[in-house]
Protein backbone atom coordinates (compact mmCIF):
# COMPACT_ATOMS: atom_id res chain seq x y z
CA MET A 1 0.00 0.00 0.00
CA ARG A 2 2.80 2.43 0.92
CA ALA A 3 4.57 1.67 -2.40
CA ARG A 4 1.42 2.58 -4.34
CA SER A 5 1.21 5.82 -2.39
CA ILE A 6 4.81 6.67 -3.27
CA VAL A 7 4.27 5.88 -6.96
CA ALA A 8 1.10 8.01 -6.96
CA SER A 9 2.98 10.84 -5.26
CA VAL A 10 5.79 10.63 -7.78
CA SER A 11 3.25 10.80 -10.61
CA VAL A 12 1.77 13.94 -9.07
CA VAL A 13 5.26 15.44 -8.68
CA PHE A 14 6.12 14.68 -12.33
CA ALA A 15 2.78 16.02 -13.49
CA SER A 16 3.39 19.28 -11.64
CA PHE A 17 6.56 19.74 -13.69
CA GLY A 18 4.72 19.12 -16.96
CA CYS A 19 5.70 15.49 -17.46
CA SER A 20 4.53 12.15 -16.18
CA PRO A 21 6.33 8.83 -15.75
CA LEU A 22 3.19 7.14 -17.07
CA ALA A 23 2.77 9.40 -20.11
CA PRO A 24 2.39 7.62 -23.44
CA ARG A 25 5.61 7.30 -25.43
CA ALA A 26 5.37 7.46 -29.21
CA THR A 27 6.75 4.44 -31.08
CA ALA A 28 6.98 3.99 -34.83
CA SER A 29 4.93 1.18 -36.33
CA PRO A 30 6.68 -1.43 -38.47
CA SER A 31 4.60 -0.41 -41.52
CA GLY A 32 5.87 3.16 -41.37
CA ALA A 33 2.44 4.44 -40.32
CA ALA A 34 2.07 7.24 -37.81
CA PRO A 35 3.53 6.54 -34.39
CA ARG A 36 1.24 4.95 -31.83
CA ALA A 37 1.31 5.66 -28.13
CA THR A 38 2.25 2.98 -25.63
CA ALA A 39 2.21 3.47 -21.88
CA THR A 40 5.48 2.92 -20.07
CA ARG A 41 6.08 2.64 -16.36
CA PRO A 42 9.25 3.69 -14.61
CA ARG A 43 11.33 1.01 -12.91
CA PRO A 44 10.82 1.02 -9.12
CA SER A 45 14.49 1.98 -8.61
CA ASP A 46 13.99 5.01 -10.90
CA VAL A 47 10.95 6.11 -8.89
CA THR A 48 12.83 5.71 -5.60
CA ALA A 49 15.85 7.65 -6.91
CA SER A 50 13.58 10.44 -8.13
CA VAL A 51 11.75 10.70 -4.80
CA SER A 52 15.04 10.54 -2.87
CA SER A 53 16.36 13.40 -4.97
CA ARG A 54 13.21 15.41 -4.23
CA VAL A 55 13.56 14.69 -0.48
CA VAL A 56 17.14 16.01 -0.53
CA LYS A 57 16.18 19.12 -2.52
CA LEU A 58 13.27 19.87 -0.18
CA ALA A 59 15.48 19.43 2.88
CA LEU A 60 18.17 21.70 1.43
CA ARG A 61 15.57 24.40 0.69
CA GLN A 62 14.86 24.58 4.42
CA VAL A 63 18.46 25.39 5.40
CA GLY A 64 18.37 28.66 7.32
CA ALA A 65 14.76 28.25 8.48
CA PRO A 66 14.43 29.00 12.19
CA TYR A 67 14.38 26.34 14.89
CA ALA A 68 11.06 26.15 16.75
CA TRP A 69 10.29 23.45 19.30
CA GLY A 70 7.28 21.51 18.01
CA GLY A 71 7.50 23.24 14.61
CA ASP A 72 6.84 21.44 11.35
CA GLN A 73 6.57 24.33 8.86
CA PRO A 74 9.13 26.55 7.08
CA SER A 75 8.31 29.28 9.60
CA GLY A 76 9.97 27.07 12.23
CA PHE A 77 11.09 23.41 12.58
CA ASP A 78 12.25 21.08 15.26
CA CYS A 79 14.24 18.05 14.10
CA SER A 80 11.40 15.55 13.71
CA GLY A 81 9.16 18.32 12.34
CA LEU A 82 11.62 18.92 9.50
CA VAL A 83 11.67 15.19 8.63
CA HIS A 84 7.87 15.06 8.96
CA TYR A 85 7.41 18.11 6.66
CA VAL A 86 9.83 16.97 3.94
CA TYR A 87 8.45 13.44 3.74
CA ALA A 88 4.82 14.63 3.86
CA THR A 89 5.60 16.85 0.88
CA VAL A 90 6.53 13.75 -1.17
CA GLY A 91 3.53 11.79 0.11
CA VAL A 92 5.05 9.75 2.96
CA GLU A 93 3.17 10.10 6.23
CA LEU A 94 5.29 10.09 9.37
CA PRO A 95 4.59 10.92 12.99
CA HIS A 96 6.10 14.12 14.40
CA ASN A 97 8.27 12.27 16.91
CA VAL A 98 11.87 11.03 16.54
CA ALA A 99 11.37 7.67 18.31
CA ARG A 100 8.20 6.92 16.35
CA GLN A 101 9.88 7.90 13.06
CA TYR A 102 12.66 5.42 13.91
CA ARG A 103 10.11 2.59 13.83
CA ARG A 104 9.34 3.25 10.15
CA GLY A 105 11.14 1.91 7.10
CA VAL A 106 14.08 -0.46 7.28
CA SER A 107 17.35 -0.22 9.15
CA VAL A 108 20.39 0.94 7.17
CA THR A 109 24.00 0.65 8.29
CA ARG A 110 26.10 3.79 8.20
CA ASP A 111 28.23 2.49 5.33
CA LYS A 112 25.10 1.88 3.19
CA LEU A 113 23.47 5.31 3.62
CA ARG A 114 21.80 6.85 0.59
CA PRO A 115 20.57 10.42 0.15
CA GLY A 116 17.07 10.68 1.63
CA ASP A 117 17.68 8.21 4.46
CA VAL A 118 16.80 9.46 7.94
CA VAL A 119 19.66 9.48 10.47
CA PHE A 120 19.13 9.28 14.25
CA PHE A 121 21.18 10.38 17.25
CA ASP A 122 21.29 10.88 21.00
CA GLY A 123 19.11 8.02 22.24
CA LEU A 124 16.42 8.86 19.64
CA ARG A 125 16.19 12.49 20.69
CA HIS A 126 17.50 13.95 17.42
CA ASN A 127 17.34 13.17 13.70
CA GLY A 128 17.92 14.59 10.24
CA ILE A 129 17.93 13.75 6.53
CA TYR A 130 21.09 12.34 4.96
CA ILE A 131 22.09 14.25 1.80
CA GLY A 132 25.25 12.35 0.80
CA GLU A 133 29.01 12.65 1.28
CA GLY A 134 28.70 12.20 5.04
CA ARG A 135 26.39 15.21 5.48
CA PHE A 136 22.83 15.64 6.73
CA VAL A 137 20.26 18.42 7.09
CA HIS A 138 18.62 18.91 10.49
CA ALA A 139 16.95 21.48 12.71
CA ALA A 140 19.43 22.32 15.44
CA VAL A 141 18.82 24.12 18.71
CA THR A 142 22.30 25.61 18.32
CA PRO A 143 22.55 27.69 16.07
CA ASP A 144 18.75 27.83 16.32
CA ALA A 145 18.17 27.00 12.64
CA VAL A 146 18.06 24.28 9.99
CA VAL A 147 21.67 23.52 9.12
CA ILE A 148 23.93 21.02 7.35
CA SER A 149 26.27 19.01 9.56
CA ARG A 150 28.67 16.11 9.08
CA LEU A 151 28.12 12.65 10.53
CA ASP A 152 31.76 12.56 11.64
CA GLU A 153 31.47 15.69 13.83
CA ARG A 154 32.25 14.62 17.38
CA TRP A 155 28.78 15.22 18.87
CA TYR A 156 26.95 13.29 16.11
CA ALA A 157 29.53 10.51 15.77
CA SER A 158 29.49 9.82 19.52
CA ARG A 159 25.67 9.82 19.70
CA TRP A 160 24.90 7.83 16.51
CA VAL A 161 21.88 5.52 16.94
CA GLY A 162 21.19 4.38 13.37
CA ALA A 163 19.44 5.18 10.12
CA ARG A 164 16.21 4.20 8.41
CA ARG A 165 15.34 4.00 4.72
CA LEU A 166 11.76 5.04 4.15
CA LEU A 167 11.43 5.18 0.38
CA ASP A 168 12.03 1.72 -1.01
CA ALA A 169 11.35 0.02 2.28
CA THR A 170 8.97 -2.83 2.81
CA PRO A 171 6.20 -1.53 5.08
CA THR A 172 6.82 -2.32 8.72
CA VAL A 173 4.35 -2.99 11.50
CA ARG A 174 3.54 0.22 13.38
CA ARG A 175 4.29 -0.08 17.07
């Protein structure tokens, strides 16, 4: 069910940019007659990559937004509110709570992180969105804004809990 929701969301995203992954593609007929339209579907990995890219772009657009405890809008975010907002924008419903977000998706080891994965720290009291090259976007109390940090910074490295992949994950049981 969640996969269908993601595919539907991706179709809406593509449609908003004037194209659709399910749009007919013209193919020439063997007789040389006018091209006929055939529907094509994107491969699941293409859909996931496209949504992951959108997640990263949406997260990066929020850099500089103010920190606000309990916030989940560009006018102010807390850490789980930022993750909640970005994923909701691409059609993935998440709770606005770090520990409950950690229960979603599938576990990913640090060496297998992909852009769009959600990273967790500090006994499930902080999280952010991985953007690649060891960096992640998160709403930080200090400096009181959405910022980009590195996973290998001392505070984050010493408080690493894990990561979850939400986009091409098999649905998990909600606890």
